[in-house]
N, C-alpha and C. Protein backbone atom coordinates (compact mmCIF):
# COMPACT_ATOMS: atom_id res chain seq x y z
N MET A 1 -149.79 113.10 -22.27
CA MET A 1 -149.19 111.65 -22.02
C MET A 1 -148.70 111.07 -23.45
N THR A 2 -147.86 110.02 -23.12
CA THR A 2 -147.24 109.41 -24.39
C THR A 2 -148.06 108.46 -24.92
N THR A 3 -148.04 108.63 -26.21
CA THR A 3 -149.08 107.61 -27.11
C THR A 3 -148.36 106.65 -28.00
N PHE A 4 -148.85 105.83 -28.68
CA PHE A 4 -148.31 105.18 -29.65
C PHE A 4 -148.03 106.27 -30.89
N PHE A 5 -148.59 107.32 -30.82
CA PHE A 5 -148.60 108.22 -31.94
C PHE A 5 -147.49 109.22 -31.66
N SER A 6 -147.20 109.47 -30.58
CA SER A 6 -146.09 110.34 -29.98
C SER A 6 -144.99 110.40 -30.81
N VAL A 7 -144.44 111.70 -31.21
CA VAL A 7 -143.06 111.79 -31.89
C VAL A 7 -142.09 112.33 -30.98
N GLN A 8 -141.05 111.59 -30.80
CA GLN A 8 -140.02 111.85 -29.68
C GLN A 8 -138.69 112.10 -30.30
N SER A 9 -138.43 111.43 -31.42
CA SER A 9 -137.05 111.30 -31.99
C SER A 9 -136.54 112.63 -32.70
N ASP A 10 -137.41 113.45 -33.03
CA ASP A 10 -137.13 114.38 -34.28
C ASP A 10 -137.67 115.66 -33.38
N THR A 11 -137.00 116.38 -32.77
CA THR A 11 -137.45 117.68 -31.93
C THR A 11 -137.82 118.66 -32.78
N SER A 12 -137.24 118.63 -33.98
CA SER A 12 -137.45 119.96 -34.89
C SER A 12 -138.92 119.71 -35.43
N VAL A 13 -139.46 118.41 -35.62
CA VAL A 13 -140.80 118.04 -36.09
C VAL A 13 -141.80 118.47 -35.07
N VAL A 14 -141.39 117.94 -33.89
CA VAL A 14 -142.19 118.23 -32.61
C VAL A 14 -142.67 119.88 -32.63
N SER A 15 -141.32 120.48 -32.54
CA SER A 15 -141.61 122.10 -32.44
C SER A 15 -142.46 122.64 -33.62
N ASP A 16 -142.05 122.06 -34.81
CA ASP A 16 -142.96 122.48 -35.93
C ASP A 16 -144.43 122.32 -35.84
N LEU A 17 -144.69 121.14 -35.49
CA LEU A 17 -146.16 120.82 -35.22
C LEU A 17 -146.87 121.61 -34.19
N ARG A 18 -146.07 121.85 -33.06
CA ARG A 18 -146.73 122.58 -32.24
C ARG A 18 -147.45 124.21 -32.55
N ALA A 19 -146.93 124.36 -33.72
CA ALA A 19 -147.01 125.73 -34.22
C ALA A 19 -148.29 125.60 -35.11
N TRP A 20 -148.79 124.42 -35.45
CA TRP A 20 -149.90 124.05 -36.41
C TRP A 20 -151.29 124.29 -35.60
N SER A 21 -152.42 124.62 -36.38
CA SER A 21 -153.63 124.90 -35.67
C SER A 21 -154.19 123.38 -35.60
N GLU A 22 -155.22 123.41 -34.68
CA GLU A 22 -155.79 122.06 -34.71
C GLU A 22 -156.40 121.66 -36.10
N GLU A 23 -157.03 122.52 -36.78
CA GLU A 23 -157.68 122.06 -38.11
C GLU A 23 -156.54 121.76 -39.22
N GLN A 24 -155.27 122.39 -39.00
CA GLN A 24 -154.17 121.99 -39.76
C GLN A 24 -153.88 120.29 -39.30
N LEU A 25 -153.88 120.29 -38.22
CA LEU A 25 -153.25 118.88 -37.74
C LEU A 25 -154.25 117.85 -38.00
N ILE A 26 -155.45 117.92 -37.90
CA ILE A 26 -156.75 116.91 -38.17
C ILE A 26 -156.60 116.74 -39.92
N ALA A 27 -156.38 117.67 -40.61
CA ALA A 27 -156.22 117.59 -42.07
C ALA A 27 -155.20 116.78 -42.38
N ALA A 28 -154.05 116.94 -41.76
CA ALA A 28 -152.86 116.18 -42.13
C ALA A 28 -153.08 114.70 -41.59
N ALA A 29 -153.55 114.68 -40.21
CA ALA A 29 -153.63 113.18 -39.84
C ALA A 29 -154.66 112.43 -40.51
N LYS A 30 -155.66 113.24 -41.37
CA LYS A 30 -156.71 112.36 -41.98
C LYS A 30 -156.18 111.69 -43.36
N THR A 31 -154.76 112.07 -43.92
CA THR A 31 -154.09 111.52 -44.80
C THR A 31 -153.27 110.22 -44.42
N GLY A 32 -153.35 110.00 -42.92
CA GLY A 32 -152.77 108.98 -42.39
C GLY A 32 -151.47 109.22 -41.88
N ARG A 33 -150.98 110.56 -41.73
CA ARG A 33 -149.73 110.98 -41.15
C ARG A 33 -149.87 110.75 -39.52
N ARG A 34 -149.16 110.04 -39.00
CA ARG A 34 -148.93 109.85 -37.50
C ARG A 34 -148.64 110.94 -36.70
N ALA A 35 -147.63 111.61 -37.12
CA ALA A 35 -146.90 112.81 -36.39
C ALA A 35 -147.83 113.87 -36.00
N PRO A 36 -148.78 114.28 -36.99
CA PRO A 36 -149.72 115.33 -36.67
C PRO A 36 -150.84 114.76 -35.89
N PHE A 37 -151.20 113.58 -35.82
CA PHE A 37 -152.08 113.08 -34.87
C PHE A 37 -151.48 112.82 -33.46
N GLY A 38 -150.27 112.42 -33.49
CA GLY A 38 -149.35 112.41 -32.33
C GLY A 38 -149.62 113.73 -31.49
N GLU A 39 -149.32 114.89 -32.07
CA GLU A 39 -149.48 116.30 -31.56
C GLU A 39 -150.88 116.41 -31.09
N LEU A 40 -151.96 116.05 -31.80
CA LEU A 40 -153.29 116.07 -31.23
C LEU A 40 -153.35 115.33 -29.90
N CYS A 41 -152.92 114.10 -29.88
CA CYS A 41 -152.92 113.23 -28.70
C CYS A 41 -152.33 113.99 -27.35
N GLU A 42 -151.28 114.72 -27.58
CA GLU A 42 -150.42 115.29 -26.61
C GLU A 42 -151.28 116.55 -26.12
N ARG A 43 -151.92 117.14 -27.15
CA ARG A 43 -152.95 118.46 -26.91
C ARG A 43 -154.15 117.82 -25.80
N HIS A 44 -154.57 116.77 -26.22
CA HIS A 44 -155.83 116.43 -25.59
C HIS A 44 -155.58 115.18 -24.52
N GLY A 45 -154.27 114.66 -24.39
CA GLY A 45 -154.06 113.48 -23.61
C GLY A 45 -154.62 113.69 -22.27
N THR A 46 -154.40 114.61 -21.65
CA THR A 46 -154.67 114.97 -20.01
C THR A 46 -155.95 114.65 -19.99
N LYS A 47 -156.84 115.62 -20.88
CA LYS A 47 -158.40 115.47 -20.38
C LYS A 47 -158.80 114.20 -20.66
N VAL A 48 -158.33 113.37 -21.81
CA VAL A 48 -158.91 112.13 -22.08
C VAL A 48 -158.50 111.07 -21.01
N PHE A 49 -157.25 111.00 -20.52
CA PHE A 49 -156.93 110.47 -19.23
C PHE A 49 -157.84 110.62 -17.98
N ARG A 50 -157.98 111.99 -17.64
CA ARG A 50 -158.95 112.26 -16.76
C ARG A 50 -160.43 111.82 -16.92
N VAL A 51 -160.87 111.83 -18.12
CA VAL A 51 -162.10 111.27 -18.19
C VAL A 51 -162.26 109.93 -17.97
N ILE A 52 -161.38 109.13 -18.61
CA ILE A 52 -161.33 107.64 -18.63
C ILE A 52 -160.94 107.04 -17.03
N HIS A 53 -160.05 107.87 -16.35
CA HIS A 53 -159.69 107.57 -15.09
C HIS A 53 -160.98 107.70 -14.18
N ARG A 54 -161.70 108.70 -14.15
CA ARG A 54 -162.91 109.02 -13.44
C ARG A 54 -163.87 107.90 -13.65
N ILE A 55 -163.90 107.19 -14.73
CA ILE A 55 -164.77 105.92 -14.99
C ILE A 55 -164.32 104.85 -14.29
N MET A 56 -163.01 104.61 -14.52
CA MET A 56 -162.33 103.34 -14.26
C MET A 56 -161.83 103.08 -12.97
N ARG A 57 -161.45 104.44 -12.25
CA ARG A 57 -160.54 104.27 -10.75
C ARG A 57 -159.39 103.48 -10.81
N ASN A 58 -158.93 103.25 -11.95
CA ASN A 58 -157.54 102.62 -11.79
C ASN A 58 -156.65 103.04 -12.78
N ARG A 59 -155.40 103.47 -12.56
CA ARG A 59 -154.57 104.08 -13.11
C ARG A 59 -154.03 103.26 -14.41
N GLU A 60 -153.77 102.20 -14.30
CA GLU A 60 -153.15 101.15 -15.51
C GLU A 60 -154.20 100.86 -16.38
N ASP A 61 -155.31 100.72 -16.03
CA ASP A 61 -156.47 100.50 -16.85
C ASP A 61 -156.82 101.65 -17.62
N ALA A 62 -156.76 102.69 -16.87
CA ALA A 62 -157.17 103.92 -17.71
C ALA A 62 -156.13 104.19 -18.61
N GLU A 63 -154.86 103.84 -18.56
CA GLU A 63 -153.89 104.38 -19.49
C GLU A 63 -153.92 103.27 -20.67
N ASP A 64 -154.45 102.06 -20.44
CA ASP A 64 -154.63 101.26 -21.65
C ASP A 64 -155.73 101.61 -22.18
N ALA A 65 -157.12 101.94 -21.68
CA ALA A 65 -158.14 102.51 -22.50
C ALA A 65 -157.85 103.64 -23.19
N ALA A 66 -157.04 104.62 -22.69
CA ALA A 66 -156.72 106.07 -23.44
C ALA A 66 -156.03 105.63 -24.63
N GLN A 67 -155.03 104.57 -24.47
CA GLN A 67 -154.31 104.20 -26.03
C GLN A 67 -155.42 103.70 -26.58
N ASP A 68 -156.26 102.79 -26.18
CA ASP A 68 -157.41 102.36 -27.15
C ASP A 68 -158.18 103.40 -27.86
N CYS A 69 -158.51 104.53 -26.98
CA CYS A 69 -159.14 105.45 -27.58
C CYS A 69 -158.63 106.25 -28.61
N PHE A 70 -157.27 106.58 -28.41
CA PHE A 70 -156.38 107.10 -29.48
C PHE A 70 -156.45 106.47 -30.87
N LEU A 71 -156.03 105.09 -30.68
CA LEU A 71 -156.20 104.20 -31.72
C LEU A 71 -157.58 104.27 -32.37
N ASN A 72 -158.67 104.10 -31.78
CA ASN A 72 -159.71 104.37 -32.50
C ASN A 72 -160.12 105.43 -33.00
N ALA A 73 -159.63 106.59 -32.34
CA ALA A 73 -159.91 107.87 -33.08
C ALA A 73 -158.89 107.97 -34.41
N PHE A 74 -157.88 107.47 -34.24
CA PHE A 74 -157.12 107.45 -35.64
C PHE A 74 -157.59 106.85 -36.58
N VAL A 75 -158.23 105.67 -36.34
CA VAL A 75 -158.87 104.83 -37.35
C VAL A 75 -160.07 105.50 -38.10
N HIS A 76 -160.83 106.05 -37.05
CA HIS A 76 -162.19 106.53 -37.48
C HIS A 76 -162.18 108.23 -37.87
N LEU A 77 -160.88 108.74 -37.65
CA LEU A 77 -160.66 110.18 -37.81
C LEU A 77 -161.50 110.75 -39.30
N LYS A 78 -161.45 109.89 -40.25
CA LYS A 78 -162.18 110.10 -41.53
C LYS A 78 -163.62 110.53 -41.30
N ASP A 79 -164.26 109.96 -40.16
CA ASP A 79 -165.65 110.16 -39.77
C ASP A 79 -165.93 111.53 -39.25
N PHE A 80 -164.85 112.10 -38.76
CA PHE A 80 -164.88 113.27 -38.01
C PHE A 80 -165.24 114.63 -39.17
N ASP A 81 -166.48 115.03 -38.90
CA ASP A 81 -166.76 116.11 -39.99
C ASP A 81 -166.51 117.50 -39.60
N GLY A 82 -166.40 117.81 -38.36
CA GLY A 82 -166.20 119.19 -37.76
C GLY A 82 -167.40 119.67 -37.29
N ARG A 83 -168.52 119.13 -37.38
CA ARG A 83 -169.66 119.66 -36.88
C ARG A 83 -169.87 119.91 -35.28
N SER A 84 -168.92 118.98 -34.75
CA SER A 84 -168.68 119.24 -33.21
C SER A 84 -167.36 119.66 -32.97
N GLN A 85 -166.91 120.04 -31.77
CA GLN A 85 -165.58 120.30 -31.61
C GLN A 85 -164.76 118.85 -31.61
N PHE A 86 -163.55 119.03 -31.91
CA PHE A 86 -162.57 117.79 -31.99
C PHE A 86 -162.61 117.24 -30.55
N ALA A 87 -162.48 118.02 -29.48
CA ALA A 87 -162.49 117.64 -28.08
C ALA A 87 -163.60 116.88 -27.84
N THR A 88 -164.97 117.29 -28.06
CA THR A 88 -166.15 116.70 -27.79
C THR A 88 -166.09 115.39 -28.53
N TRP A 89 -165.63 115.34 -29.75
CA TRP A 89 -165.80 113.98 -30.57
C TRP A 89 -164.72 112.98 -29.58
N LEU A 90 -163.64 113.38 -29.44
CA LEU A 90 -162.64 112.46 -28.84
C LEU A 90 -163.25 112.18 -27.46
N THR A 91 -163.90 112.93 -26.72
CA THR A 91 -164.29 112.54 -25.43
C THR A 91 -165.29 111.59 -25.43
N ARG A 92 -166.25 111.50 -26.55
CA ARG A 92 -167.18 110.33 -26.55
C ARG A 92 -166.34 109.12 -27.01
N ILE A 93 -165.37 109.10 -27.83
CA ILE A 93 -164.58 107.89 -27.92
C ILE A 93 -163.94 107.49 -26.53
N ALA A 94 -163.43 108.32 -25.91
CA ALA A 94 -162.84 108.03 -24.56
C ALA A 94 -163.75 107.43 -23.60
N ILE A 95 -165.11 107.59 -23.67
CA ILE A 95 -166.02 107.23 -22.62
C ILE A 95 -166.16 105.88 -23.03
N ASN A 96 -166.50 105.73 -24.63
CA ASN A 96 -166.83 104.31 -24.95
C ASN A 96 -165.52 103.30 -24.72
N ALA A 97 -164.52 103.74 -24.99
CA ALA A 97 -163.23 103.11 -24.79
C ALA A 97 -163.15 102.57 -23.15
N ALA A 98 -163.54 103.57 -22.40
CA ALA A 98 -163.45 103.27 -20.82
C ALA A 98 -164.40 102.07 -20.58
N PHE A 99 -165.66 102.08 -21.13
CA PHE A 99 -166.76 101.03 -20.78
C PHE A 99 -166.22 99.92 -21.63
N MET A 100 -165.81 99.77 -22.56
CA MET A 100 -165.35 98.65 -23.14
C MET A 100 -164.24 97.87 -22.33
N LYS A 101 -163.28 98.71 -21.82
CA LYS A 101 -162.41 98.07 -21.10
C LYS A 101 -162.89 97.57 -19.68
N LEU A 102 -163.92 98.06 -19.19
CA LEU A 102 -164.47 97.73 -17.93
C LEU A 102 -165.24 96.43 -18.31
N ARG A 103 -165.92 96.18 -19.30
CA ARG A 103 -166.70 95.08 -19.88
C ARG A 103 -165.78 93.81 -20.18
N LYS A 104 -164.41 94.39 -20.65
CA LYS A 104 -163.59 93.38 -20.81
C LYS A 104 -162.90 92.82 -19.51
N ASN A 105 -162.56 93.50 -18.63
CA ASN A 105 -162.13 93.34 -17.20
C ASN A 105 -162.84 92.38 -16.44
N ARG A 106 -164.18 92.56 -16.44
CA ARG A 106 -164.91 91.99 -15.45
C ARG A 106 -166.46 91.67 -16.14
N GLY A 107 -167.26 90.73 -15.79
CA GLY A 107 -168.60 90.76 -16.30
C GLY A 107 -169.51 91.81 -15.52
N ALA A 108 -170.46 92.14 -15.86
CA ALA A 108 -171.20 93.30 -15.15
C ALA A 108 -171.93 92.48 -13.77
N ARG A 109 -171.87 93.35 -12.56
CA ARG A 109 -172.42 92.54 -11.40
C ARG A 109 -173.97 92.64 -11.77
N GLU A 110 -174.39 91.94 -10.95
CA GLU A 110 -176.03 91.61 -10.83
C GLU A 110 -176.47 93.05 -10.41
N VAL A 111 -177.66 93.39 -11.10
CA VAL A 111 -178.19 94.72 -10.79
C VAL A 111 -179.81 94.19 -10.71
N PRO A 112 -180.38 93.83 -9.40
CA PRO A 112 -181.70 93.58 -9.25
C PRO A 112 -182.52 94.82 -9.80
N ILE A 113 -183.58 94.48 -10.67
CA ILE A 113 -184.57 95.38 -11.20
C ILE A 113 -185.03 96.33 -10.12
N ASP A 114 -185.41 95.66 -9.02
CA ASP A 114 -185.99 96.48 -7.95
C ASP A 114 -185.18 97.50 -7.49
N GLU A 115 -183.75 97.65 -7.75
CA GLU A 115 -182.79 98.48 -7.29
C GLU A 115 -182.72 99.71 -8.28
N LEU A 116 -183.20 99.62 -9.58
CA LEU A 116 -183.24 100.62 -10.32
C LEU A 116 -184.65 101.53 -9.98
N ASN A 117 -184.31 102.49 -8.83
CA ASN A 117 -185.68 103.07 -8.09
C ASN A 117 -185.65 104.32 -8.42
N PRO A 118 -186.98 104.83 -8.41
CA PRO A 118 -187.13 106.40 -9.07
C PRO A 118 -186.50 107.39 -8.42
N SER A 119 -185.83 107.08 -7.03
CA SER A 119 -185.06 108.15 -6.52
C SER A 119 -183.49 108.45 -7.16
N HIS A 120 -183.31 107.36 -8.03
CA HIS A 120 -182.13 107.33 -8.94
C HIS A 120 -180.92 107.34 -7.88
N GLU A 121 -180.66 107.10 -6.67
CA GLU A 121 -179.62 107.05 -5.88
C GLU A 121 -179.11 105.83 -6.04
N PRO A 122 -177.73 105.46 -6.01
CA PRO A 122 -177.05 104.34 -6.08
C PRO A 122 -177.54 103.40 -4.65
N VAL A 123 -178.05 102.44 -4.93
CA VAL A 123 -178.36 101.38 -3.76
C VAL A 123 -177.58 100.19 -3.40
N ALA A 124 -177.01 99.92 -2.36
CA ALA A 124 -175.98 98.76 -2.14
C ALA A 124 -176.59 97.66 -2.79
N GLN A 125 -175.73 96.93 -3.54
CA GLN A 125 -176.09 95.38 -4.01
C GLN A 125 -176.43 94.70 -2.90
N ARG A 126 -177.59 93.96 -3.02
CA ARG A 126 -178.07 92.66 -2.29
C ARG A 126 -177.09 91.88 -2.11
N GLU A 127 -176.75 91.39 -0.89
CA GLU A 127 -175.86 90.36 -0.46
C GLU A 127 -176.54 89.16 -0.14
N PHE A 128 -176.12 88.05 -0.74
CA PHE A 128 -176.82 86.87 -0.45
C PHE A 128 -175.86 86.07 0.57
N GLN A 129 -176.32 85.56 1.58
CA GLN A 129 -175.64 84.83 2.71
C GLN A 129 -175.83 83.34 2.38
N TYR A 130 -174.80 82.68 2.28
CA TYR A 130 -174.61 81.21 2.27
C TYR A 130 -173.86 80.52 3.27
N ASP A 131 -174.44 79.63 3.97
CA ASP A 131 -173.54 78.53 4.72
C ASP A 131 -172.72 77.68 4.08
N ALA A 132 -173.05 77.36 2.88
CA ALA A 132 -172.05 76.42 1.81
C ALA A 132 -173.03 76.76 0.69
N PRO A 133 -171.97 77.02 -0.51
CA PRO A 133 -172.41 77.28 -1.81
C PRO A 133 -173.23 76.06 -2.38
N ASP A 134 -174.48 76.27 -2.93
CA ASP A 134 -175.30 75.29 -3.39
C ASP A 134 -175.08 75.51 -4.93
N PRO A 135 -174.61 74.41 -5.44
CA PRO A 135 -174.18 74.29 -7.04
C PRO A 135 -175.73 74.78 -8.02
N GLU A 136 -176.75 74.44 -7.54
CA GLU A 136 -177.94 74.73 -8.23
C GLU A 136 -178.22 76.29 -8.10
N GLU A 137 -178.05 76.74 -7.07
CA GLU A 137 -178.17 78.33 -6.65
C GLU A 137 -177.35 79.14 -7.50
N SER A 138 -176.04 78.63 -7.47
CA SER A 138 -174.91 79.23 -7.88
C SER A 138 -175.11 79.28 -9.44
N CYS A 139 -175.60 78.23 -10.02
CA CYS A 139 -175.66 78.35 -11.50
C CYS A 139 -176.89 79.30 -11.86
N SER A 140 -178.13 79.29 -11.10
CA SER A 140 -179.12 80.07 -11.22
C SER A 140 -178.60 81.63 -10.93
N LEU A 141 -177.70 81.91 -10.12
CA LEU A 141 -177.15 83.48 -9.91
C LEU A 141 -176.42 83.65 -11.09
N ARG A 142 -175.66 82.87 -11.64
CA ARG A 142 -174.87 83.03 -12.84
C ARG A 142 -175.90 83.40 -14.00
N GLU A 143 -176.88 82.51 -14.08
CA GLU A 143 -177.84 83.00 -15.35
C GLU A 143 -178.48 84.12 -15.23
N ARG A 144 -178.98 84.49 -14.03
CA ARG A 144 -179.70 85.80 -13.69
C ARG A 144 -178.68 87.08 -14.07
N LYS A 145 -177.42 86.86 -13.64
CA LYS A 145 -176.45 87.88 -13.89
C LYS A 145 -176.29 87.96 -15.44
N ARG A 146 -176.19 86.78 -16.21
CA ARG A 146 -176.12 86.85 -17.61
C ARG A 146 -177.28 87.58 -18.28
N ILE A 147 -178.25 87.44 -17.74
CA ILE A 147 -179.64 87.87 -18.34
C ILE A 147 -179.68 89.44 -18.22
N VAL A 148 -179.48 89.83 -16.80
CA VAL A 148 -179.34 91.35 -16.50
C VAL A 148 -178.39 92.02 -17.45
N LYS A 149 -177.17 91.30 -17.38
CA LYS A 149 -176.04 92.10 -18.15
C LYS A 149 -176.50 92.20 -19.88
N SER A 150 -177.18 91.01 -20.21
CA SER A 150 -177.60 91.23 -21.70
C SER A 150 -178.72 92.33 -21.81
N ALA A 151 -179.61 92.43 -20.84
CA ALA A 151 -180.57 93.56 -20.87
C ALA A 151 -179.97 94.78 -20.78
N ILE A 152 -179.12 95.03 -20.02
CA ILE A 152 -178.37 96.46 -19.83
C ILE A 152 -177.82 96.89 -21.23
N SER A 153 -177.21 95.78 -21.71
CA SER A 153 -176.48 95.95 -23.04
C SER A 153 -177.15 96.25 -24.23
N GLY A 154 -178.64 96.03 -23.89
CA GLY A 154 -179.64 96.13 -25.12
C GLY A 154 -180.27 97.81 -24.93
N LEU A 155 -179.79 98.35 -23.93
CA LEU A 155 -180.35 99.72 -23.78
C LEU A 155 -179.50 100.53 -24.85
N ARG A 156 -180.05 101.94 -25.02
CA ARG A 156 -179.57 102.82 -25.81
C ARG A 156 -178.24 103.08 -25.26
N PRO A 157 -177.19 103.40 -25.90
CA PRO A 157 -175.95 103.70 -25.55
C PRO A 157 -175.77 104.79 -24.41
N ARG A 158 -176.43 106.04 -24.48
CA ARG A 158 -176.35 106.97 -23.39
C ARG A 158 -177.17 106.47 -22.32
N THR A 159 -178.06 105.74 -22.44
CA THR A 159 -178.90 105.31 -21.21
C THR A 159 -178.26 104.25 -20.58
N ARG A 160 -177.44 103.37 -21.40
CA ARG A 160 -176.58 102.49 -20.75
C ARG A 160 -175.53 102.95 -20.04
N ASN A 161 -174.94 103.74 -20.44
CA ASN A 161 -173.79 104.36 -19.70
C ASN A 161 -174.06 104.91 -18.40
N VAL A 162 -175.08 105.43 -18.30
CA VAL A 162 -175.77 106.01 -16.86
C VAL A 162 -175.89 104.94 -16.09
N VAL A 163 -176.58 103.81 -16.62
CA VAL A 163 -176.81 102.70 -15.61
C VAL A 163 -175.50 102.04 -15.03
N GLU A 164 -174.42 102.03 -16.12
CA GLU A 164 -173.28 101.34 -15.57
C GLU A 164 -172.50 102.09 -14.87
N LEU A 165 -172.47 103.42 -14.73
CA LEU A 165 -171.66 104.38 -14.02
C LEU A 165 -172.44 104.65 -12.58
N ILE A 166 -173.66 104.35 -12.50
CA ILE A 166 -174.42 104.56 -11.23
C ILE A 166 -174.47 103.28 -10.47
N HIS A 167 -175.05 102.07 -11.13
CA HIS A 167 -175.03 101.01 -10.45
C HIS A 167 -174.23 99.86 -10.50
N LEU A 168 -173.12 100.12 -11.51
CA LEU A 168 -172.18 99.07 -11.67
C LEU A 168 -170.71 99.67 -11.12
N GLN A 169 -170.67 101.01 -11.30
CA GLN A 169 -169.40 101.62 -10.83
C GLN A 169 -169.62 102.43 -9.47
N GLU A 170 -171.04 102.50 -9.17
CA GLU A 170 -171.35 103.19 -8.07
C GLU A 170 -170.89 104.73 -7.87
N HIS A 171 -170.93 105.46 -8.94
CA HIS A 171 -170.61 106.89 -8.99
C HIS A 171 -171.88 107.58 -8.54
N SER A 172 -171.77 108.75 -8.07
CA SER A 172 -173.04 109.49 -7.69
C SER A 172 -173.70 110.09 -8.83
N ILE A 173 -174.70 110.64 -8.62
CA ILE A 173 -175.42 111.26 -9.88
C ILE A 173 -174.71 112.40 -10.21
N ARG A 174 -174.02 113.20 -9.37
CA ARG A 174 -173.23 114.37 -9.71
C ARG A 174 -172.05 113.93 -10.45
N ASP A 175 -171.33 112.81 -9.92
CA ASP A 175 -170.08 112.34 -10.69
C ASP A 175 -170.33 112.10 -12.03
N THR A 176 -171.50 111.33 -12.15
CA THR A 176 -171.98 110.64 -13.54
C THR A 176 -172.27 111.88 -14.54
N ALA A 177 -172.90 112.90 -13.99
CA ALA A 177 -173.11 113.95 -14.70
C ALA A 177 -171.76 114.58 -15.11
N GLN A 178 -170.96 114.76 -14.32
CA GLN A 178 -169.63 115.45 -14.68
C GLN A 178 -168.79 114.59 -15.69
N ILE A 179 -168.92 113.19 -15.50
CA ILE A 179 -168.08 112.43 -16.34
C ILE A 179 -168.72 112.44 -18.05
N LEU A 180 -170.10 112.42 -18.03
CA LEU A 180 -170.78 112.41 -19.26
C LEU A 180 -170.71 113.78 -19.84
N GLY A 181 -170.61 114.83 -18.98
CA GLY A 181 -170.88 116.10 -19.54
C GLY A 181 -172.33 116.55 -19.72
N ILE A 182 -173.11 115.99 -18.71
CA ILE A 182 -174.57 116.41 -18.94
C ILE A 182 -175.02 116.77 -17.53
N SER A 183 -176.37 117.33 -17.22
CA SER A 183 -176.83 118.05 -16.21
C SER A 183 -177.34 116.80 -15.30
N THR A 184 -177.34 117.10 -13.99
CA THR A 184 -177.76 115.79 -13.22
C THR A 184 -179.36 115.62 -13.48
N GLY A 185 -180.01 116.69 -14.05
CA GLY A 185 -181.50 116.22 -14.37
C GLY A 185 -181.33 115.33 -15.30
N ALA A 186 -180.51 115.37 -16.44
CA ALA A 186 -180.40 114.45 -17.57
C ALA A 186 -180.33 113.21 -17.16
N VAL A 187 -179.27 113.01 -16.12
CA VAL A 187 -178.82 111.75 -15.41
C VAL A 187 -180.03 111.16 -15.03
N LYS A 188 -180.77 111.93 -14.05
CA LYS A 188 -181.97 111.25 -13.48
C LYS A 188 -183.04 110.85 -14.52
N SER A 189 -183.37 111.63 -15.68
CA SER A 189 -184.16 111.33 -16.81
C SER A 189 -183.72 109.97 -17.27
N ARG A 190 -182.45 109.94 -17.54
CA ARG A 190 -182.08 108.72 -18.41
C ARG A 190 -182.24 107.42 -17.46
N MET A 191 -182.06 107.68 -16.27
CA MET A 191 -182.18 106.50 -15.19
C MET A 191 -183.83 106.19 -15.01
N PHE A 192 -184.54 107.23 -15.11
CA PHE A 192 -185.87 106.76 -15.32
C PHE A 192 -186.39 106.07 -16.37
N HIS A 193 -185.86 106.46 -17.53
CA HIS A 193 -186.20 105.81 -18.85
C HIS A 193 -185.58 104.35 -18.85
N ALA A 194 -184.23 104.02 -18.22
CA ALA A 194 -183.83 103.09 -18.06
C ALA A 194 -184.64 102.11 -17.56
N LYS A 195 -184.99 102.46 -16.24
CA LYS A 195 -185.93 101.53 -15.40
C LYS A 195 -187.06 101.11 -16.15
N ILE A 196 -187.75 101.94 -17.02
CA ILE A 196 -188.91 101.60 -17.67
C ILE A 196 -188.65 100.63 -18.77
N ALA A 197 -187.42 100.81 -19.34
CA ALA A 197 -187.29 99.91 -20.69
C ALA A 197 -186.83 98.44 -20.02
N LEU A 198 -186.15 98.50 -18.78
CA LEU A 198 -185.76 97.23 -18.14
C LEU A 198 -186.90 96.50 -17.93
N HIS A 199 -187.92 97.39 -17.07
CA HIS A 199 -189.09 96.50 -16.62
C HIS A 199 -189.84 96.08 -17.79
N ARG A 200 -190.02 96.63 -18.86
CA ARG A 200 -190.78 96.10 -20.03
C ARG A 200 -190.19 94.84 -20.63
N MET A 201 -188.83 94.38 -20.17
CA MET A 201 -188.36 93.51 -20.99
C MET A 201 -188.79 91.97 -20.31
N PRO A 202 -189.65 91.27 -20.85
CA PRO A 202 -190.14 90.05 -20.56
C PRO A 202 -189.11 89.23 -19.64
N LEU A 203 -188.12 88.95 -20.53
CA LEU A 203 -186.76 88.17 -19.62
C LEU A 203 -186.34 88.57 -18.48
N LEU A 204 -186.54 89.85 -17.90
CA LEU A 204 -186.12 90.30 -16.76
C LEU A 204 -187.33 90.43 -15.52
N GLN A 205 -188.34 90.15 -16.16
CA GLN A 205 -189.61 89.94 -15.24
C GLN A 205 -189.42 88.60 -14.22
N GLY A 206 -188.97 87.86 -14.81
CA GLY A 206 -188.61 86.49 -14.08
C GLY A 206 -187.53 86.76 -13.12
N VAL A 207 -186.52 87.52 -13.61
CA VAL A 207 -185.42 87.84 -12.50
C VAL A 207 -185.75 88.57 -11.45
N ALA A 208 -186.65 89.59 -11.66
CA ALA A 208 -186.99 90.40 -10.63
C ALA A 208 -187.82 89.65 -9.60
N ARG A 209 -188.64 88.77 -9.98
CA ARG A 209 -189.35 87.90 -9.14
C ARG A 209 -188.54 87.04 -8.44
N SER A 210 -187.52 86.40 -9.04
CA SER A 210 -186.56 85.49 -8.28
C SER A 210 -185.83 86.19 -7.28
N ASN A 211 -185.39 87.49 -7.58
CA ASN A 211 -184.81 88.15 -6.53
C ASN A 211 -185.40 88.54 -5.38
N ARG A 212 -186.70 88.79 -5.64
CA ARG A 212 -187.72 89.24 -4.43
C ARG A 212 -187.85 87.91 -3.63
N LEU A 213 -187.87 86.74 -4.21
CA LEU A 213 -187.94 85.54 -3.38
C LEU A 213 -186.64 85.40 -2.48
N SER A 214 -185.63 85.62 -3.39
CA SER A 214 -184.36 85.24 -2.52
C SER A 214 -184.01 86.05 -1.25
N ALA A 215 -184.64 87.41 -1.50
CA ALA A 215 -184.36 88.32 -0.24
C ALA A 215 -185.18 87.80 1.04
N ARG A 216 -186.40 86.96 0.86
CA ARG A 216 -187.11 86.68 1.89
C ARG A 216 -186.57 85.81 2.88
């Protein structure tokens, strides 16, 4: 895929860089050279886009998030110490970029705490039926959404990502595991710990009670 770092004007430079090893490209890019990093983007661009698109489900937004991913990777390349594969390091940045883009595009939908259930399967969001919008109730709903969103953002990153994929993006457990590169068992475990953590948050106990009352 074409990125801000892509080198297109000088074909001889591109041809030369294609012969470089990944280690050589990384070392050169760490000095601030855009062309070597552009070659890294070309090599990993397809995988990065695929990972982001599976999270976002929108091509245009996925392309924007991919650009953000590569920009962040370039800025923080000095932090890459080689203890993991470059592809693994870049994939983590891609996943974070996708979630950041999602959060910017729209606020997190309300996730009733009762729906973070032990079965770990996606549960359809509860629909509230109104004959006419009630200003006070609308204000209350917005406040509850804000509280739940704040609580989810307070979870550990790897746990938060699972909650967002399953309950906000409505991905299956299997898809979530594939996107994050973990086992389905790990997904279920993280959802279990997320449920416990959320239930222990005092500010969410009132939200859960309010949701149960609204469903009556």
